[in-house]
Amino acid sequence: MFKTSVIDTGYEVLTLMQGEKGERWRKLCEQAAIEQDPQKLMELADEIDRLLEAKEQRLKEQRTKSV
């Protein structure tokens, strides 16, 4: 199931991953929330997106296998 956490900015974030990758996703969100450099913020957003896309693909594959 999904776990909800709140980072310093007060935004609610759905933590969609468990374990090491979940921790990486959370840390990247925390960094993005305070990042001042637009280029670095874009890089963080791209990496968060990549991690979430990979998770979505794994979930789709699991659903296909369980049917």
Foldseek 3Di string as FASTA:
>chain_A
DWDWDAEPVRDIDIQLDDDPLSVVLVVLVNCLVPDDDPVVNVVSVVVNVVSVVVSVVVVVVVVVVVD
